[in-house]
C-alpha atoms as a PDB file:
ATOM      1  CA  UNK A   1     -51.089  48.355 -15.191  1.00  0.00           C
ATOM      2  CA  UNK A   2     -50.571  48.988 -18.402  1.00  0.00           C
ATOM      3  CA  UNK A   3     -48.868  51.054 -19.955  1.00  0.00           C
ATOM      4  CA  UNK A   4     -52.460  52.362 -22.353  1.00  0.00           C
ATOM      5  CA  UNK A   5     -53.821  52.561 -18.900  1.00  0.00           C
ATOM      6  CA  UNK A   6     -51.293  54.604 -17.105  1.00  0.00           C
ATOM      7  CA  UNK A   7     -51.434  56.542 -20.495  1.00  0.00           C
ATOM      8  CA  UNK A   8     -55.137  57.500 -19.827  1.00  0.00           C
ATOM      9  CA  UNK A   9     -54.690  58.252 -16.547  1.00  0.00           C
ATOM     10  CA  UNK A  10     -51.878  60.873 -17.288  1.00  0.00           C
ATOM     11  CA  UNK A  11     -54.126  62.513 -19.789  1.00  0.00           C
ATOM     12  CA  UNK A  12     -56.651  63.061 -17.480  1.00  0.00           C
ATOM     13  CA  UNK A  13     -54.501  64.051 -14.903  1.00  0.00           C
ATOM     14  CA  UNK A  14     -53.820  67.089 -17.512  1.00  0.00           C
ATOM     15  CA  UNK A  15     -56.976  67.365 -18.588  1.00  0.00           C
ATOM     16  CA  UNK A  16     -58.647  67.178 -15.514  1.00  0.00           C
ATOM     17  CA  UNK A  17     -56.709  67.332 -12.170  1.00  0.00           C
ATOM     18  CA  UNK A  18     -58.726  66.414  -9.613  1.00  0.00           C
ATOM     19  CA  UNK A  19     -57.651  64.231  -6.245  1.00  0.00           C
ATOM     20  CA  UNK A  20     -58.207  61.206  -7.234  1.00  0.00           C
ATOM     21  CA  UNK A  21     -55.888  60.991 -10.394  1.00  0.00           C
ATOM     22  CA  UNK A  22     -52.960  62.902  -8.409  1.00  0.00           C
ATOM     23  CA  UNK A  23     -54.023  59.850  -6.132  1.00  0.00           C
ATOM     24  CA  UNK A  24     -53.626  57.573  -8.493  1.00  0.00           C
ATOM     25  CA  UNK A  25     -50.893  58.516  -9.282  1.00  0.00           C
ATOM     26  CA  UNK A  26     -49.310  58.922  -6.497  1.00  0.00           C
ATOM     27  CA  UNK A  27     -49.966  55.098  -5.346  1.00  0.00           C
ATOM     28  CA  UNK A  28     -48.646  54.144  -8.517  1.00  0.00           C
ATOM     29  CA  UNK A  29     -45.276  56.041  -7.870  1.00  0.00           C
ATOM     30  CA  UNK A  30     -45.057  53.963  -4.922  1.00  0.00           C
ATOM     31  CA  UNK A  31     -45.629  50.801  -5.872  1.00  0.00           C
ATOM     32  CA  UNK A  32     -43.035  51.587  -8.539  1.00  0.00           C
ATOM     33  CA  UNK A  33     -40.404  52.725  -5.592  1.00  0.00           C
ATOM     34  CA  UNK A  34     -42.053  49.270  -3.701  1.00  0.00           C
ATOM     35  CA  UNK A  35     -41.102  46.991  -6.212  1.00  0.00           C
ATOM     36  CA  UNK A  36     -37.640  48.912  -6.213  1.00  0.00           C
ATOM     37  CA  UNK A  37     -36.713  48.725  -2.949  1.00  0.00           C
ATOM     38  CA  UNK A  38     -38.096  44.941  -2.614  1.00  0.00           C
ATOM     39  CA  UNK A  39     -35.386  44.170  -5.511  1.00  0.00           C
ATOM     40  CA  UNK A  40     -32.626  46.035  -3.709  1.00  0.00           C
ATOM     41  CA  UNK A  41     -33.384  44.090  -0.629  1.00  0.00           C
ATOM     42  CA  UNK A  42     -34.096  40.557  -2.192  1.00  0.00           C
ATOM     43  CA  UNK A  43     -30.104  41.209  -4.002  1.00  0.00           C
ATOM     44  CA  UNK A  44     -28.817  42.382  -1.264  1.00  0.00           C
ATOM     45  CA  UNK A  45     -30.249  39.189   1.467  1.00  0.00           C
ATOM     46  CA  UNK A  46     -28.230  37.358  -2.109  1.00  0.00           C
ATOM     47  CA  UNK A  47     -25.305  39.283  -1.453  1.00  0.00           C
ATOM     48  CA  UNK A  48     -25.822  38.847   2.000  1.00  0.00           C
ATOM     49  CA  UNK A  49     -26.399  35.127   1.744  1.00  0.00           C
ATOM     50  CA  UNK A  50     -23.139  34.611  -0.422  1.00  0.00           C
ATOM     51  CA  UNK A  51     -20.872  36.486   1.416  1.00  0.00           C
ATOM     52  CA  UNK A  52     -21.712  34.634   4.963  1.00  0.00           C
ATOM     53  CA  UNK A  53     -21.708  31.463   2.986  1.00  0.00           C
ATOM     54  CA  UNK A  54     -17.691  32.227   1.928  1.00  0.00           C
ATOM     55  CA  UNK A  55     -16.939  33.443   5.160  1.00  0.00           C
ATOM     56  CA  UNK A  56     -18.602  30.060   6.453  1.00  0.00           C
ATOM     57  CA  UNK A  57     -16.251  28.235   4.009  1.00  0.00           C
ATOM     58  CA  UNK A  58     -12.874  30.064   4.674  1.00  0.00           C
ATOM     59  CA  UNK A  59     -13.441  29.414   8.235  1.00  0.00           C
ATOM     60  CA  UNK A  60     -14.191  25.945   8.285  1.00  0.00           C
ATOM     61  CA  UNK A  61     -10.955  25.774   6.338  1.00  0.00           C
ATOM     62  CA  UNK A  62      -9.191  27.454   8.412  1.00  0.00           C
ATOM     63  CA  UNK A  63     -10.258  25.054  11.373  1.00  0.00           C
ATOM     64  CA  UNK A  64      -9.406  21.759   8.776  1.00  0.00           C
ATOM     65  CA  UNK A  65      -5.430  23.889   8.398  1.00  0.00           C
ATOM     66  CA  UNK A  66      -5.655  24.269  12.256  1.00  0.00           C
ATOM     67  CA  UNK A  67      -6.966  20.206  12.701  1.00  0.00           C
ATOM     68  CA  UNK A  68      -4.113  19.576  10.085  1.00  0.00           C
ATOM     69  CA  UNK A  69      -0.608  20.942  11.456  1.00  0.00           C
ATOM     70  CA  UNK A  70      -1.749  19.927  15.021  1.00  0.00           C
ATOM     71  CA  UNK A  71      -1.964  16.559  14.179  1.00  0.00           C
ATOM     72  CA  UNK A  72       1.495  17.396  12.355  1.00  0.00           C
ATOM     73  CA  UNK A  73       2.946  18.273  14.999  1.00  0.00           C
ATOM     74  CA  UNK A  74       1.705  15.757  17.213  1.00  0.00           C
ATOM     75  CA  UNK A  75       3.031  12.372  14.932  1.00  0.00           C
ATOM     76  CA  UNK A  76       6.405  15.297  15.031  1.00  0.00           C
ATOM     77  CA  UNK A  77       6.473  15.002  18.999  1.00  0.00           C
ATOM     78  CA  UNK A  78       5.682  11.178  18.655  1.00  0.00           C
ATOM     79  CA  UNK A  79       8.544   9.954  15.982  1.00  0.00           C
ATOM     80  CA  UNK A  80      11.208  12.262  16.802  1.00  0.00           C
ATOM     81  CA  UNK A  81      13.322   9.901  18.279  1.00  0.00           C
ATOM     82  CA  UNK A  82      12.997   7.867  14.571  1.00  0.00           C
ATOM     83  CA  UNK A  83      16.153   8.733  13.165  1.00  0.00           C
ATOM     84  CA  UNK A  84      18.596   8.262  16.236  1.00  0.00           C
ATOM     85  CA  UNK A  85      16.738   4.822  17.118  1.00  0.00           C
ATOM     86  CA  UNK A  86      17.668   3.316  13.822  1.00  0.00           C
ATOM     87  CA  UNK A  87      21.247   4.481  14.572  1.00  0.00           C
ATOM     88  CA  UNK A  88      21.298   3.158  17.393  1.00  0.00           C
ATOM     89  CA  UNK A  89      19.785  -0.379  17.204  1.00  0.00           C
ATOM     90  CA  UNK A  90      22.983  -1.419  14.924  1.00  0.00           C
ATOM     91  CA  UNK A  91      25.473  -0.856  17.843  1.00  0.00           C
ATOM     92  CA  UNK A  92      22.566  -3.410  19.993  1.00  0.00           C
ATOM     93  CA  UNK A  93      23.335  -6.224  17.663  1.00  0.00           C
ATOM     94  CA  UNK A  94      26.431  -5.278  17.967  1.00  0.00           C
ATOM     95  CA  UNK A  95      26.258  -5.776  22.434  1.00  0.00           C
ATOM     96  CA  UNK A  96      23.798  -8.655  21.627  1.00  0.00           C
ATOM     97  CA  UNK A  97      27.075 -10.270  19.276  1.00  0.00           C
ATOM     98  CA  UNK A  98      29.788  -9.871  22.184  1.00  0.00           C
ATOM     99  CA  UNK A  99      27.437 -11.059  24.739  1.00  0.00           C
ATOM    100  CA  UNK A 100      26.914 -14.626  22.497  1.00  0.00           C
ATOM    101  CA  UNK A 101      30.721 -14.799  22.130  1.00  0.00           C
ATOM    102  CA  UNK A 102      31.959 -17.627  24.365  1.00  0.00           C
ATOM    103  CA  UNK A 103      34.930 -17.435  26.456  1.00  0.00           C
ATOM    104  CA  UNK A 104      34.311 -13.326  28.678  1.00  0.00           C
ATOM    105  CA  UNK A 105      35.016 -12.389  31.791  1.00  0.00           C
ATOM    106  CA  UNK A 106      32.215 -12.128  34.368  1.00  0.00           C
ATOM    107  CA  UNK A 107      32.951  -8.361  34.883  1.00  0.00           C
ATOM    108  CA  UNK A 108      33.416  -7.703  31.153  1.00  0.00           C
ATOM    109  CA  UNK A 109      30.319 -10.181  30.282  1.00  0.00           C
ATOM    110  CA  UNK A 110      28.195  -7.871  33.325  1.00  0.00           C
ATOM    111  CA  UNK A 111      29.520  -4.200  31.324  1.00  0.00           C
ATOM    112  CA  UNK A 112      27.888  -5.552  27.932  1.00  0.00           C
ATOM    113  CA  UNK A 113      24.498  -6.455  29.280  1.00  0.00           C
ATOM    114  CA  UNK A 114      24.423  -2.711  31.709  1.00  0.00           C
ATOM    115  CA  UNK A 115      25.342  -0.799  28.283  1.00  0.00           C
ATOM    116  CA  UNK A 116      22.817  -2.984  26.414  1.00  0.00           C
ATOM    117  CA  UNK A 117      20.398  -2.866  28.979  1.00  0.00           C
ATOM    118  CA  UNK A 118      20.522   0.558  29.685  1.00  0.00           C
ATOM    119  CA  UNK A 119      19.873   1.277  25.671  1.00  0.00           C
ATOM    120  CA  UNK A 120      17.144  -0.556  25.103  1.00  0.00           C
ATOM    121  CA  UNK A 121      15.316   1.530  28.622  1.00  0.00           C
ATOM    122  CA  UNK A 122      16.297   4.370  26.956  1.00  0.00           C
ATOM    123  CA  UNK A 123      15.040   3.176  23.769  1.00  0.00           C
ATOM    124  CA  UNK A 124      11.770   2.461  25.758  1.00  0.00           C
ATOM    125  CA  UNK A 125      11.198   6.003  27.309  1.00  0.00           C
ATOM    126  CA  UNK A 126      10.745   7.076  23.875  1.00  0.00           C
ATOM    127  CA  UNK A 127       8.567   4.262  22.610  1.00  0.00           C
ATOM    128  CA  UNK A 128      10.734   1.721  20.899  1.00  0.00           C
ATOM    129  CA  UNK A 129       9.304  -1.542  21.562  1.00  0.00           C
ATOM    130  CA  UNK A 130      10.793  -5.281  20.327  1.00  0.00           C
ATOM    131  CA  UNK A 131       8.809  -6.880  17.475  1.00  0.00           C
ATOM    132  CA  UNK A 132       7.248 -10.244  19.029  1.00  0.00           C
ATOM    133  CA  UNK A 133       8.976 -13.298  17.641  1.00  0.00           C
ATOM    134  CA  UNK A 134       7.643 -16.022  19.404  1.00  0.00           C
ATOM    135  CA  UNK A 135       4.465 -17.013  17.003  1.00  0.00           C
ATOM    136  CA  UNK A 136       3.294 -17.148  13.938  1.00  0.00           C
ATOM    137  CA  UNK A 137       4.976 -15.344  11.375  1.00  0.00           C
ATOM    138  CA  UNK A 138       3.443 -11.524   9.940  1.00  0.00           C
ATOM    139  CA  UNK A 139       5.072 -10.373   6.610  1.00  0.00           C
ATOM    140  CA  UNK A 140       4.048  -6.492   7.747  1.00  0.00           C
ATOM    141  CA  UNK A 141       6.748  -7.205  10.799  1.00  0.00           C
ATOM    142  CA  UNK A 142       8.404 -10.456  10.243  1.00  0.00           C
ATOM    143  CA  UNK A 143      11.388 -11.011   7.197  1.00  0.00           C
ATOM    144  CA  UNK A 144      11.876 -14.146   6.747  1.00  0.00           C
ATOM    145  CA  UNK A 145      15.404 -14.806   5.224  1.00  0.00           C
ATOM    146  CA  UNK A 146      15.175 -18.771   4.410  1.00  0.00           C
ATOM    147  CA  UNK A 147      12.543 -21.324   5.080  1.00  0.00           C
ATOM    148  CA  UNK A 148      12.585 -24.947   6.627  1.00  0.00           C
ATOM    149  CA  UNK A 149      10.243 -27.926   5.729  1.00  0.00           C
ATOM    150  CA  UNK A 150       7.621 -28.355   8.816  1.00  0.00           C
ATOM    151  CA  UNK A 151       8.510 -30.732  11.124  1.00  0.00           C
ATOM    152  CA  UNK A 152       7.045 -31.887  14.827  1.00  0.00           C
ATOM    153  CA  UNK A 153       8.485 -29.391  16.505  1.00  0.00           C
ATOM    154  CA  UNK A 154       7.502 -26.192  14.510  1.00  0.00           C
ATOM    155  CA  UNK A 155       4.170 -25.483  13.077  1.00  0.00           C
ATOM    156  CA  UNK A 156       3.492 -24.741   9.294  1.00  0.00           C
ATOM    157  CA  UNK A 157       4.123 -20.146   9.046  1.00  0.00           C
ATOM    158  CA  UNK A 158       5.479 -19.667  12.969  1.00  0.00           C
ATOM    159  CA  UNK A 159       8.969 -18.432  13.118  1.00  0.00           C
ATOM    160  CA  UNK A 160      11.591 -21.306  14.034  1.00  0.00           C
ATOM    161  CA  UNK A 161      14.656 -18.912  14.786  1.00  0.00           C
ATOM    162  CA  UNK A 162      16.122 -15.388  14.814  1.00  0.00           C
ATOM    163  CA  UNK A 163      18.842 -13.668  12.734  1.00  0.00           C
ATOM    164  CA  UNK A 164      17.903 -10.218  13.948  1.00  0.00           C
ATOM    165  CA  UNK A 165      15.802  -8.423  16.054  1.00  0.00           C
ATOM    166  CA  UNK A 166      13.207  -6.697  14.791  1.00  0.00           C
ATOM    167  CA  UNK A 167      11.659  -2.705  16.818  1.00  0.00           C
ATOM    168  CA  UNK A 168       9.206  -0.469  15.907  1.00  0.00           C
ATOM    169  CA  UNK A 169       8.410   3.347  17.529  1.00  0.00           C
ATOM    170  CA  UNK A 170       4.345   3.232  18.604  1.00  0.00           C
ATOM    171  CA  UNK A 171       2.889   1.793  15.707  1.00  0.00           C
ATOM    172  CA  UNK A 172       5.652   2.524  12.906  1.00  0.00           C
ATOM    173  CA  UNK A 173       7.792  -0.061  11.756  1.00  0.00           C
ATOM    174  CA  UNK A 174      11.668   0.683  12.112  1.00  0.00           C
ATOM    175  CA  UNK A 175      13.165  -2.212  11.048  1.00  0.00           C
ATOM    176  CA  UNK A 176      11.218  -5.666  10.894  1.00  0.00           C
ATOM    177  CA  UNK A 177      13.327  -8.960  11.987  1.00  0.00           C
ATOM    178  CA  UNK A 178      14.794 -11.159  10.236  1.00  0.00           C
ATOM    179  CA  UNK A 179      13.427 -14.737  10.977  1.00  0.00           C
ATOM    180  CA  UNK A 180      13.419 -18.406   9.535  1.00  0.00           C
ATOM    181  CA  UNK A 181       9.936 -19.907   8.869  1.00  0.00           C
ATOM    182  CA  UNK A 182       8.661 -22.751   9.125  1.00  0.00           C
ATOM    183  CA  UNK A 183       7.041 -23.698   5.205  1.00  0.00           C
END
């Protein structure tokens, strides 16, 4: 309804107060009130939707934080023995060198083998395994310290000799195997 019409109705109402004019004013006032209420309702819905989105985002972020925390905790448990294993590996190397010495008595040799076996079993229980060195050279698991020419006995890019064994904890490399590779 235009402003002119409203003004005309007001003037009529003042001059001739009839039921029709009062009814129109009441309807007009109701329309204004309803429009105002609808506007407020729309605003409240928009606010509610905004808060719901914020809540959903915060909830998703909390779930992501919990998931990352659980993954980190599992990794800590899975790799908890990494530092200890790295410290024990040189002792295993020394035991192998001691076993390679000629002239050891059978009792001494058997004692060294028992110590070596118990250390290997303890490491195996923690998930430490020896890296395979019987096959092709893998630069992610092996470190080539020397190369030799290819001959009838050895294929190209295959391991010829092992200087030092390599180990991994689950799928994580602790120490690469130091090897000689045929080229």
